[in-house]
C-alpha atoms as a PDB file:
ATOM      1  CA  UNK A   1     -50.462  -7.975  30.697  1.00  0.00           C
ATOM      2  CA  UNK A   2     -53.836  -6.707  31.541  1.00  0.00           C
ATOM      3  CA  UNK A   3     -53.799  -3.243  33.827  1.00  0.00           C
ATOM      4  CA  UNK A   4     -49.400  -3.027  33.157  1.00  0.00           C
ATOM      5  CA  UNK A   5     -48.230   0.809  32.320  1.00  0.00           C
ATOM      6  CA  UNK A   6     -46.045   0.595  29.623  1.00  0.00           C
ATOM      7  CA  UNK A   7     -42.903   1.213  30.155  1.00  0.00           C
ATOM      8  CA  UNK A   8     -42.312   3.041  26.660  1.00  0.00           C
ATOM      9  CA  UNK A   9     -38.456   3.606  26.892  1.00  0.00           C
ATOM     10  CA  UNK A  10     -38.345  -0.035  27.152  1.00  0.00           C
ATOM     11  CA  UNK A  11     -40.542  -0.929  24.537  1.00  0.00           C
ATOM     12  CA  UNK A  12     -38.663   1.496  21.473  1.00  0.00           C
ATOM     13  CA  UNK A  13     -35.034  -0.062  22.907  1.00  0.00           C
ATOM     14  CA  UNK A  14     -36.749  -3.564  21.658  1.00  0.00           C
ATOM     15  CA  UNK A  15     -38.224  -2.043  18.797  1.00  0.00           C
ATOM     16  CA  UNK A  16     -34.755  -0.480  17.805  1.00  0.00           C
ATOM     17  CA  UNK A  17     -33.274  -4.364  18.721  1.00  0.00           C
ATOM     18  CA  UNK A  18     -35.635  -5.870  16.358  1.00  0.00           C
ATOM     19  CA  UNK A  19     -35.044  -3.285  13.548  1.00  0.00           C
ATOM     20  CA  UNK A  20     -31.167  -3.836  13.564  1.00  0.00           C
ATOM     21  CA  UNK A  21     -31.833  -7.912  13.703  1.00  0.00           C
ATOM     22  CA  UNK A  22     -33.179  -7.303  10.071  1.00  0.00           C
ATOM     23  CA  UNK A  23     -30.223  -5.075   8.738  1.00  0.00           C
ATOM     24  CA  UNK A  24     -29.482  -4.707   5.699  1.00  0.00           C
ATOM     25  CA  UNK A  25     -33.304  -5.260   4.985  1.00  0.00           C
ATOM     26  CA  UNK A  26     -35.992  -2.826   5.919  1.00  0.00           C
ATOM     27  CA  UNK A  27     -38.674  -3.702   8.405  1.00  0.00           C
ATOM     28  CA  UNK A  28     -42.041  -2.393   8.490  1.00  0.00           C
ATOM     29  CA  UNK A  29     -44.005  -0.694  11.481  1.00  0.00           C
ATOM     30  CA  UNK A  30     -46.333  -4.020  11.279  1.00  0.00           C
ATOM     31  CA  UNK A  31     -43.192  -6.329  11.381  1.00  0.00           C
ATOM     32  CA  UNK A  32     -42.385  -4.861  14.958  1.00  0.00           C
ATOM     33  CA  UNK A  33     -45.876  -4.847  16.160  1.00  0.00           C
ATOM     34  CA  UNK A  34     -46.089  -8.175  15.463  1.00  0.00           C
ATOM     35  CA  UNK A  35     -42.724  -9.246  16.773  1.00  0.00           C
ATOM     36  CA  UNK A  36     -43.202  -7.058  19.898  1.00  0.00           C
ATOM     37  CA  UNK A  37     -46.891  -8.696  20.419  1.00  0.00           C
ATOM     38  CA  UNK A  38     -46.001 -11.923  19.942  1.00  0.00           C
ATOM     39  CA  UNK A  39     -42.781 -11.305  22.870  1.00  0.00           C
ATOM     40  CA  UNK A  40     -45.913 -10.159  24.837  1.00  0.00           C
ATOM     41  CA  UNK A  41     -44.786  -6.530  25.625  1.00  0.00           C
ATOM     42  CA  UNK A  42     -47.501  -5.000  23.726  1.00  0.00           C
ATOM     43  CA  UNK A  43     -51.126  -6.296  23.364  1.00  0.00           C
ATOM     44  CA  UNK A  44     -52.088  -6.614  19.751  1.00  0.00           C
ATOM     45  CA  UNK A  45     -54.845  -3.904  19.504  1.00  0.00           C
ATOM     46  CA  UNK A  46     -55.504  -1.008  17.228  1.00  0.00           C
ATOM     47  CA  UNK A  47     -55.316   1.560  19.712  1.00  0.00           C
ATOM     48  CA  UNK A  48     -51.813   0.466  20.869  1.00  0.00           C
ATOM     49  CA  UNK A  49     -50.417  -0.074  17.014  1.00  0.00           C
ATOM     50  CA  UNK A  50     -51.414   3.631  16.689  1.00  0.00           C
ATOM     51  CA  UNK A  51     -49.533   4.478  20.059  1.00  0.00           C
ATOM     52  CA  UNK A  52     -46.226   2.508  19.151  1.00  0.00           C
ATOM     53  CA  UNK A  53     -46.154   4.180  15.575  1.00  0.00           C
ATOM     54  CA  UNK A  54     -46.509   7.651  17.425  1.00  0.00           C
ATOM     55  CA  UNK A  55     -43.579   6.635  20.065  1.00  0.00           C
ATOM     56  CA  UNK A  56     -41.369   5.036  17.388  1.00  0.00           C
ATOM     57  CA  UNK A  57     -42.232   8.169  15.392  1.00  0.00           C
ATOM     58  CA  UNK A  58     -40.907  10.474  18.432  1.00  0.00           C
ATOM     59  CA  UNK A  59     -37.659   8.205  18.920  1.00  0.00           C
ATOM     60  CA  UNK A  60     -36.601   8.896  15.166  1.00  0.00           C
ATOM     61  CA  UNK A  61     -37.127  12.439  15.349  1.00  0.00           C
ATOM     62  CA  UNK A  62     -35.136  12.196  19.069  1.00  0.00           C
ATOM     63  CA  UNK A  63     -32.429  10.355  17.608  1.00  0.00           C
ATOM     64  CA  UNK A  64     -28.987  12.232  16.851  1.00  0.00           C
ATOM     65  CA  UNK A  65     -28.539   9.904  12.983  1.00  0.00           C
END
């Protein structure tokens, strides 16, 4: 994972799948981050957590629902 570029569309899509799997329960950003880190999708670092937050917020604003 080190040195690899993050493919944010794929990360956002995986995060969406994680959130949908919890339905009808709510899921926190921290839970999504832990799942992504445990799957090796993202490194578990504070800067990556902030970037994930930003990317998911942007995806929510762009979503039609």
